[in-house]
Protein backbone atom coordinates (compact mmCIF):
# COMPACT_ATOMS: atom_id res chain seq x y z
CA MET A 1 8.99 12.02 8.43
CA LEU A 2 10.09 12.65 12.31
CA VAL A 3 14.17 13.25 13.04
CA LEU A 4 15.21 13.65 16.57
CA SER A 5 17.88 15.23 16.86
CA TYR A 6 20.63 17.28 19.81
CA SER A 7 20.96 20.51 18.15
CA GLY A 8 24.55 20.54 20.26
CA CYS A 9 25.43 17.90 18.35
CA GLN A 10 27.46 18.69 14.96
CA THR A 11 26.09 14.72 13.55
CA CYS A 12 22.83 16.12 13.57
CA ARG A 13 23.20 19.65 12.07
CA ASN A 14 24.78 17.70 9.01
CA ALA A 15 22.14 15.21 9.17
CA LEU A 16 19.71 18.68 8.71
CA LYS A 17 21.65 19.60 6.26
CA TRP A 18 21.84 16.96 3.49
CA LEU A 19 18.16 16.55 4.53
CA GLU A 20 17.67 20.45 3.71
CA ALA A 21 20.10 20.28 0.56
CA ARG A 22 17.61 17.63 -1.26
CA LYS A 23 14.83 19.80 -0.15
CA LEU A 24 13.37 16.55 2.00
CA SER A 25 11.41 18.35 5.15
CA ALA A 26 10.50 16.84 8.18
CA ASP A 27 9.57 17.56 11.79
CA VAL A 28 12.36 17.81 14.32
CA ARG A 29 12.45 16.60 18.30
CA PRO A 30 15.13 17.95 20.04
CA ILE A 31 15.52 14.57 22.09
CA VAL A 32 17.11 15.65 25.26
CA GLU A 33 13.66 18.10 25.87
CA GLN A 34 11.92 14.84 24.66
CA PRO A 35 13.35 11.82 24.10
CA PRO A 36 11.88 8.89 22.52
CA THR A 37 9.48 7.08 25.09
CA VAL A 38 9.65 3.45 26.09
CA LYS A 39 6.29 2.70 23.74
CA GLU A 40 8.61 4.27 20.81
CA LEU A 41 11.43 3.21 21.49
CA LYS A 42 10.38 -0.87 21.79
CA GLU A 43 8.56 0.42 18.28
CA TRP A 44 11.93 2.12 16.59
CA ILE A 45 14.54 -0.59 17.91
CA VAL A 46 13.47 -3.59 15.91
CA ARG A 47 12.41 -1.21 12.72
CA SER A 48 15.17 -0.30 12.46
CA GLY A 49 17.07 -3.69 13.33
CA LYS A 50 19.63 -2.89 15.42
CA PRO A 51 20.47 -4.07 19.06
CA VAL A 52 19.23 -2.19 21.67
CA LYS A 53 23.24 -1.26 22.08
CA LYS A 54 23.58 0.18 19.17
CA TRP A 55 21.06 2.30 20.25
CA LEU A 56 23.51 4.59 22.75
CA ASN A 57 25.36 6.90 22.56
CA THR A 58 28.57 5.41 23.21
CA SER A 59 30.82 9.24 23.43
CA GLY A 60 28.32 10.85 25.59
CA GLN A 61 28.79 11.89 29.42
CA SER A 62 25.90 9.94 29.87
CA TYR A 63 27.05 6.89 28.79
CA ARG A 64 30.69 8.02 30.27
CA ALA A 65 28.70 8.63 33.81
CA LEU A 66 26.76 4.99 33.57
CA GLY A 67 29.33 3.15 32.79
CA LYS A 68 30.56 0.03 30.44
CA SER A 69 30.76 -2.25 32.80
CA LYS A 70 26.97 -2.04 33.85
CA VAL A 71 26.03 -1.09 30.79
CA ASP A 72 27.33 -4.15 29.67
CA ALA A 73 25.39 -6.06 32.55
CA ALA A 74 22.20 -4.03 32.01
CA SER A 75 18.72 -6.05 30.46
CA GLU A 76 17.44 -5.29 27.73
CA GLU A 77 15.04 -3.61 29.41
CA THR A 78 16.43 -1.47 31.69
CA LEU A 79 18.75 -0.07 28.67
CA ILE A 80 15.28 0.79 26.57
CA ASP A 81 14.13 2.57 30.60
CA TRP A 82 18.09 4.36 30.74
CA LEU A 83 17.36 5.32 27.00
CA ALA A 84 13.23 7.05 27.58
CA LYS A 85 14.42 8.94 30.82
CA ASP A 86 17.52 10.45 29.01
CA GLY A 87 18.00 11.62 25.74
CA LYS A 88 21.52 12.52 25.53
CA LEU A 89 22.31 8.78 25.82
CA VAL A 90 20.27 8.33 22.29
CA LYS A 91 22.25 7.52 19.74
CA ARG A 92 20.89 10.27 16.83
CA PRO A 93 20.23 11.84 15.20
CA VAL A 94 17.03 9.34 14.78
CA LEU A 95 15.07 9.42 11.96
CA VAL A 96 11.03 7.72 11.94
CA LYS A 97 9.66 7.18 8.64
CA GLY A 98 7.07 5.08 7.53
CA THR A 99 8.27 1.70 8.46
CA THR A 100 11.63 2.74 8.32
CA VAL A 101 14.00 3.16 11.63
CA LEU A 102 17.92 4.88 10.91
CA VAL A 103 20.34 5.75 14.05
CA GLY A 104 22.95 7.71 13.54
CA PHE A 105 24.13 9.33 10.38
CA ASN A 106 25.22 7.57 7.47
CA GLU A 107 24.55 8.86 4.19
CA ASP A 108 24.68 5.83 2.27
CA GLU A 109 21.72 4.42 4.46
CA TRP A 110 19.83 7.84 3.99
CA LYS A 111 20.46 8.03 0.65
CA THR A 112 19.34 4.77 0.35
CA ALA A 113 16.00 4.85 2.56
CA LEU A 114 14.77 8.14 1.13
CA GLY A 115 15.97 7.84 -2.52
């Protein structure tokens, strides 16, 4: 299991504590220093079942710097490129386990996916 996380993100810290409390171990990858690659994003977005725009951290500075109108006008390919270049633009945490990919921390989704 892989978790892409940002140490400055309270939601990420909550997700990691949730895993730890259930004695579930994961490799943690710092999303800012090692953002997902274009190849990973193309695979993971499909596996997540969520459109690429649901992968955007809309409350972060990177999103605000781009602006909603620019994001709305961007193609899926452009959005994926931006996500791969800026880990802070990615909604987090991202959990990858086999064919399961979860974006953001929703306890019910994580319980269902991880048992």
